[in-house]
Protein backbone atom coordinates (compact mmCIF):
# COMPACT_ATOMS: atom_id res chain seq x y z
CA MET A 1 0.03 -0.06 0.04
CA GLU A 2 1.78 3.15 -1.36
CA LEU A 3 1.39 6.52 0.01
CA TYR A 4 2.22 9.77 -1.83
CA LEU A 5 4.21 12.29 0.04
CA PRO A 6 3.32 15.78 -1.33
CA ILE A 7 6.40 17.70 -0.05
CA ALA A 8 8.83 14.98 -0.76
CA GLU A 9 7.25 14.28 -4.09
CA LEU A 10 7.50 10.62 -4.15
CA PRO A 11 5.43 7.41 -3.17
CA MET A 12 6.38 5.37 -0.21
CA ASN A 13 5.06 2.13 1.32
CA VAL A 14 3.02 3.21 4.23
CA PHE A 15 3.82 0.05 6.13
CA MET A 16 7.61 0.92 5.56
CA LEU A 17 7.18 4.44 7.01
CA LEU A 18 5.24 3.09 10.00
CA GLY A 19 7.95 0.41 10.57
CA MET A 20 10.83 2.99 10.26
CA GLY A 21 8.83 5.12 12.85
CA ALA A 22 8.39 1.93 15.26
CA ALA A 23 11.95 0.94 14.84
CA VAL A 24 13.29 4.32 15.92
CA GLY A 25 10.63 4.66 18.42
CA PHE A 26 11.84 1.31 19.92
CA LEU A 27 15.29 2.38 19.80
CA SER A 28 14.44 5.53 21.40
CA GLY A 29 12.43 3.92 24.21
CA MET A 30 15.28 1.29 24.92
CA PHE A 31 18.25 3.68 24.96
CA GLY A 32 16.30 6.88 26.31
CA VAL A 33 17.25 9.27 23.44
CA GLY A 34 15.08 11.23 21.18
CA GLY A 35 16.04 9.31 18.15
CA GLY A 36 16.16 12.39 15.67
CA PHE A 37 19.82 11.73 14.75
CA LEU A 38 18.82 7.99 13.87
CA LEU A 39 15.54 8.83 12.03
CA THR A 40 16.87 11.45 9.71
CA PRO A 41 19.64 9.36 8.35
CA LEU A 42 17.22 6.28 7.76
CA LEU A 43 14.99 8.55 5.96
CA ILE A 44 17.70 9.88 3.75
CA PHE A 45 18.87 6.15 3.19
CA SER A 46 15.38 5.43 2.15
CA GLY A 47 15.15 7.81 -0.48
CA ILE A 48 13.65 10.88 1.17
CA PRO A 49 15.37 14.17 0.02
CA PRO A 50 17.64 15.35 3.05
CA ALA A 51 16.05 18.77 3.18
CA VAL A 52 12.44 17.06 3.59
CA ALA A 53 14.08 14.48 6.09
CA VAL A 54 15.55 17.03 8.25
CA ALA A 55 12.36 19.37 8.49
CA THR A 56 9.92 16.59 8.88
CA VAL A 57 11.88 14.76 11.70
CA SER A 58 11.51 18.35 13.64
CA SER A 59 7.86 17.75 13.79
CA GLN A 60 8.15 14.39 14.81
CA ILE A 61 10.35 15.31 17.69
CA VAL A 62 7.84 17.89 18.76
CA ALA A 63 5.31 15.14 19.14
CA SER A 64 7.46 12.81 20.96
CA SER A 65 8.70 15.26 23.47
CA ALA A 66 5.33 16.92 24.26
CA SER A 67 4.02 14.04 26.36
CA GLY A 68 7.08 13.76 28.19
CA THR A 69 7.22 17.35 29.00
CA LEU A 70 3.69 17.11 30.37
CA ALA A 71 4.43 14.10 32.59
CA TYR A 72 7.61 15.98 34.03
CA ILE A 73 5.48 19.12 34.77
CA ARG A 74 3.02 16.93 36.83
CA LYS A 75 6.08 15.74 38.55
CA LYS A 76 7.25 19.15 39.34
CA THR A 77 10.84 18.32 38.02
CA ILE A 78 11.22 21.17 35.44
CA ASP A 79 13.26 24.27 36.24
CA VAL A 80 11.18 26.50 34.45
CA LYS A 81 13.63 29.55 34.59
CA LEU A 82 16.49 27.69 33.32
CA GLY A 83 14.41 26.00 30.72
CA GLY A 84 13.10 29.47 29.66
CA PHE A 85 16.79 30.54 29.20
CA LEU A 86 17.51 27.43 27.05
CA LEU A 87 14.30 27.86 25.16
CA VAL A 88 14.76 31.34 24.08
CA SER A 89 18.37 31.10 23.13
CA GLY A 90 17.51 27.62 21.52
CA MET A 91 14.89 29.60 19.31
CA ILE A 92 17.73 32.11 18.47
CA GLY A 93 19.99 29.20 17.21
CA SER A 94 16.82 27.62 15.33
CA GLY A 95 16.41 30.78 13.55
CA ILE A 96 20.18 30.91 12.61
CA GLY A 97 19.99 27.13 11.55
CA VAL A 98 16.90 27.62 9.40
CA TRP A 99 18.40 30.49 7.74
CA VAL A 100 21.60 28.60 6.97
CA PHE A 101 19.53 25.69 5.87
CA GLY A 102 17.94 27.68 3.16
CA LEU A 103 21.03 29.43 2.19
CA LEU A 104 22.72 26.06 1.77
CA ARG A 105 19.77 24.74 -0.31
CA ALA A 106 19.90 27.64 -2.54
CA VAL A 107 23.44 27.19 -3.68
CA GLY A 108 22.85 23.34 -3.87
CA GLN A 109 25.21 22.42 -0.91
CA LEU A 110 22.69 21.27 1.56
CA ASP A 111 23.01 17.52 0.86
CA LEU A 112 26.68 17.57 1.29
CA VAL A 113 26.80 19.77 4.22
CA ILE A 114 24.10 17.42 6.01
CA ALA A 115 26.18 14.02 4.87
CA LEU A 116 29.52 15.55 6.26
CA SER A 117 28.04 16.95 9.44
CA TYR A 118 26.67 13.51 10.13
CA VAL A 119 29.71 11.80 9.33
CA THR A 120 31.82 13.74 11.68
CA PHE A 121 29.34 14.13 14.34
CA LEU A 122 27.84 10.50 14.57
CA SER A 123 31.41 8.92 14.08
CA THR A 124 32.89 11.06 16.96
CA VAL A 125 30.13 10.55 19.28
CA GLY A 126 29.54 6.82 18.41
CA ALA A 127 33.38 6.24 19.13
CA LEU A 128 33.47 7.81 22.28
CA MET A 129 30.39 6.15 23.53
CA LEU A 130 31.55 2.85 22.42
CA THR A 131 35.07 3.12 23.98
CA GLU A 132 33.70 4.35 27.26
CA ALA A 133 31.18 1.56 27.50
CA LEU A 134 33.73 -1.35 26.54
CA ARG A 135 36.09 0.17 29.17
CA ALA A 136 33.35 0.11 31.81
CA ILE A 137 32.42 -3.46 30.66
CA ALA A 138 36.12 -4.65 30.83
CA ALA A 139 36.73 -3.14 34.19
CA GLN A 140 33.50 -4.58 35.77
CA ARG A 141 34.48 -8.08 34.59
CA ALA A 142 38.03 -7.52 36.04
CA GLY A 143 36.34 -6.78 39.31
CA LYS A 144 37.29 -3.19 39.06
CA PRO A 145 34.26 -0.97 38.08
CA LEU A 146 35.41 2.44 36.83
CA PRO A 147 34.47 5.19 39.49
CA VAL A 148 31.74 7.52 38.13
CA GLY A 149 33.12 10.97 38.68
CA ARG A 150 32.39 14.46 37.49
CA PRO A 151 34.89 17.21 36.01
CA ALA A 152 36.64 19.41 38.42
CA ALA A 153 34.62 22.63 39.70
CA ARG A 154 33.41 24.94 37.13
CA GLY A 155 35.94 27.50 38.15
CA TRP A 156 36.26 29.31 34.86
CA MET A 157 32.60 29.62 34.88
CA GLN A 158 32.54 31.26 38.43
CA ARG A 159 34.47 34.11 36.85
CA LEU A 160 31.90 35.08 33.93
CA PRO A 161 29.65 38.01 34.28
CA LEU A 162 25.94 38.02 34.09
CA ARG A 163 25.20 35.80 37.09
CA VAL A 164 21.67 34.46 37.22
CA ARG A 165 20.10 32.53 40.25
CA PHE A 166 18.14 29.39 39.17
CA PRO A 167 16.52 28.43 42.44
CA ARG A 168 14.71 25.34 41.19
CA SER A 169 18.20 23.91 40.41
CA LYS A 170 19.91 25.64 43.39
CA LEU A 171 22.39 27.23 41.09
CA ALA A 172 23.84 30.82 40.73
CA ILE A 173 25.95 30.86 37.27
CA SER A 174 26.70 33.17 34.46
CA ALA A 175 23.98 33.12 31.87
CA ILE A 176 26.62 32.94 29.26
CA PRO A 177 27.23 29.23 28.99
CA VAL A 178 23.53 28.61 29.37
CA VAL A 179 22.76 30.83 26.31
CA VAL A 180 25.73 29.46 24.22
CA LEU A 181 24.52 25.87 25.06
CA GLY A 182 20.91 26.68 24.04
CA VAL A 183 22.01 28.34 20.78
CA ALA A 184 24.11 25.41 19.82
CA ILE A 185 21.35 23.02 20.46
CA GLY A 186 18.85 24.94 18.59
CA PHE A 187 21.26 25.36 15.56
CA LEU A 188 22.13 21.70 15.27
CA GLY A 189 18.30 20.80 15.50
CA ALA A 190 17.26 23.09 12.81
CA LEU A 191 20.29 22.11 10.43
CA LEU A 192 20.48 18.42 11.19
CA GLY A 193 16.93 17.39 12.45
CA ILE A 194 18.16 16.28 15.84
CA GLY A 195 16.54 17.05 19.28
CA GLY A 196 20.04 17.32 20.90
CA GLY A 197 19.03 15.67 24.15
CA PHE A 198 22.03 13.36 24.28
CA ILE A 199 24.12 16.49 23.91
CA MET A 200 21.97 18.64 26.35
CA VAL A 201 21.62 16.12 29.11
CA PRO A 202 25.43 15.33 29.72
CA ALA A 203 26.24 19.29 29.24
CA LEU A 204 23.72 20.37 31.98
CA ILE A 205 24.90 17.56 34.29
CA TYR A 206 28.69 17.83 33.93
CA ILE A 207 29.24 21.48 32.92
CA LEU A 208 26.53 23.45 34.35
CA LYS A 209 25.98 21.00 37.30
CA VAL A 210 22.28 21.04 37.24
CA PRO A 211 20.63 18.13 39.52
CA THR A 212 19.98 15.06 37.57
CA SER A 213 16.36 14.96 38.80
CA ILE A 214 15.81 18.37 36.97
CA VAL A 215 17.82 17.62 34.03
CA ILE A 216 15.44 15.48 31.73
CA GLY A 217 12.32 17.50 32.18
CA THR A 218 14.00 20.79 31.58
CA THR A 219 15.71 19.32 28.61
CA LEU A 220 12.50 18.15 27.10
CA MET A 221 10.83 21.37 27.65
CA GLN A 222 13.76 23.22 25.73
CA THR A 223 13.44 20.49 22.91
CA LEU A 224 9.65 20.90 22.75
CA GLY A 225 9.76 24.78 22.34
CA THR A 226 12.97 24.95 20.10
CA MET A 227 11.73 22.12 17.64
CA ALA A 228 8.26 23.45 17.34
CA PHE A 229 9.76 26.88 16.52
CA ALA A 230 12.06 25.23 14.14
CA THR A 231 9.12 23.18 12.42
CA ILE A 232 7.20 26.57 11.80
CA MET A 233 10.25 28.29 10.45
CA GLN A 234 10.91 25.35 8.08
CA ALA A 235 7.47 24.99 6.85
CA SER A 236 6.97 28.75 6.25
CA THR A 237 10.37 29.56 5.20
CA ASN A 238 11.64 26.53 3.09
CA GLN A 239 8.50 24.46 2.63
CA THR A 240 10.07 21.33 3.34
CA VAL A 241 8.00 19.89 6.23
CA ASP A 242 5.89 16.89 5.08
CA ALA A 243 2.70 16.47 7.10
CA VAL A 244 1.86 13.07 5.93
CA LEU A 245 5.35 11.61 6.30
CA GLY A 246 5.48 13.21 9.70
CA LEU A 247 2.17 11.52 10.88
CA CYS A 248 3.26 8.09 9.79
CA LEU A 249 6.46 8.53 11.61
CA MET A 250 4.56 9.88 14.80
CA VAL A 251 2.12 6.73 14.85
CA GLY A 252 5.00 4.14 14.41
CA GLY A 253 7.15 6.00 16.94
CA VAL A 254 4.81 5.92 19.58
CA ILE A 255 3.97 2.14 19.16
CA GLY A 256 7.81 1.32 18.97
CA ALA A 257 8.81 3.32 22.08
CA GLN A 258 6.37 1.32 24.48
CA PHE A 259 8.20 -2.07 23.39
CA GLY A 260 11.69 -0.43 23.37
CA ALA A 261 11.19 0.83 27.12
CA GLN A 262 10.40 -2.64 28.19
CA VAL A 263 13.42 -4.35 26.45
CA GLY A 264 15.71 -1.49 27.82
CA GLN A 265 14.77 -1.92 31.55
CA ARG A 266 16.20 -5.54 31.39
CA LEU A 267 19.75 -4.65 30.00
CA ARG A 268 22.63 -3.25 31.98
CA GLY A 269 23.56 0.42 31.38
CA GLU A 270 27.08 -0.59 30.12
CA THR A 271 25.47 -2.87 27.55
CA LEU A 272 22.98 -0.20 26.46
CA ARG A 273 25.73 2.33 26.09
CA ALA A 274 27.76 0.06 24.14
CA LEU A 275 24.95 -0.85 21.86
CA LEU A 276 23.91 2.68 21.24
CA GLY A 277 27.63 3.73 20.61
CA LEU A 278 27.86 0.91 18.06
CA LEU A 279 24.69 2.03 16.38
CA VAL A 280 25.58 5.71 16.14
CA LEU A 281 28.99 4.71 14.86
CA SER A 282 27.40 2.40 12.18
CA VAL A 283 24.95 5.36 10.84
CA GLY A 284 28.17 7.43 10.55
CA VAL A 285 30.19 4.82 8.66
CA ARG A 286 27.27 4.32 6.20
CA PHE A 287 27.22 8.19 5.56
CA ALA A 288 30.96 8.03 4.84
CA VAL A 289 30.63 5.06 2.28
CA ASP A 290 27.72 6.85 0.62
CA LEU A 291 30.18 9.86 0.23
CA VAL A 292 32.95 7.84 -1.55
CA VAL A 293 30.83 5.12 -3.60
CA MET A 294 30.01 6.12 -7.06
CA PRO A 295 26.28 6.75 -7.42
CA LYS A 296 24.10 4.90 -10.11
CA GLU A 297 23.34 8.12 -11.54
CA LEU A 298 26.15 10.44 -12.23
CA TYR A 299 24.06 13.31 -13.32
CA SER A 300 20.84 14.67 -12.16
CA ILE A 301 18.35 17.34 -13.28
CA THR A 302 17.41 20.26 -11.01
CA HIS A 303 15.26 23.34 -11.60
CA SER A 304 16.60 26.67 -10.91
CA SER A 305 14.90 29.89 -11.15
CA GLY A 306 16.30 33.75 -11.39
CA ALA A 307 15.81 36.73 -13.39
CA GLY A 308 16.14 36.06 -17.18
CA LEU A 309 16.03 32.04 -16.83
């Protein structure tokens, strides 16, 4: 049963779309990540234009983070003030990302930049995660588990100006690193179609020293607002959000996440990190292979517009 995607301008099997959404939802539920950095490459590998894949995954991330945000609001484990700083700065970063997205698309370099970014980003993150997890597993088997430590006190941040108090997180830190983090995550989210939770969470814990109980809910709040803004901007500015594709992915993702959460609870933390690192590294390698392997069609026809053309 094929379904025509109006923005992607191609027919796709509806069960394959539901399956992709379910697969990424399963992985998201098992590993506790948003899944945007996995879903975007999967759509690209399936033939969806990169511009449409990035923009549409943003809408899927909005749906998946909305329910989580509501749950953490009920638990009162969100630092609204900190989340507000991250949200506003994230929207600025998203605006810049959408502008760069449109600029790269206009000059015909968007696909290459997305592929190179994913190769660098996923390969680095995947290799680091896999190495850390394997070291932890080896140390545990040898009877010498690695100590779980945090970096030294944030001395350099204590000297920065514009200090702000965040009572809910019991912090008094400069607003500068908070804003920089929000802008960076917003930019990456708009340009690459990732929620950024797997970057935001460790950054809040290990750099800003936000209590772990507050981190996840605050991150979800920032992700929800930032990606909603990015989706609106992509739809109005670049017209690359495919609502039909997004709906199929949302339905499949909700179903898959329920099963993934059940499996994830049965695995050890080190095993989960190793599997996730291997998965992320594999996607990065796949992008690298696609960049160097000769395509089946050496030439493609594109439409250009302009005065006198």
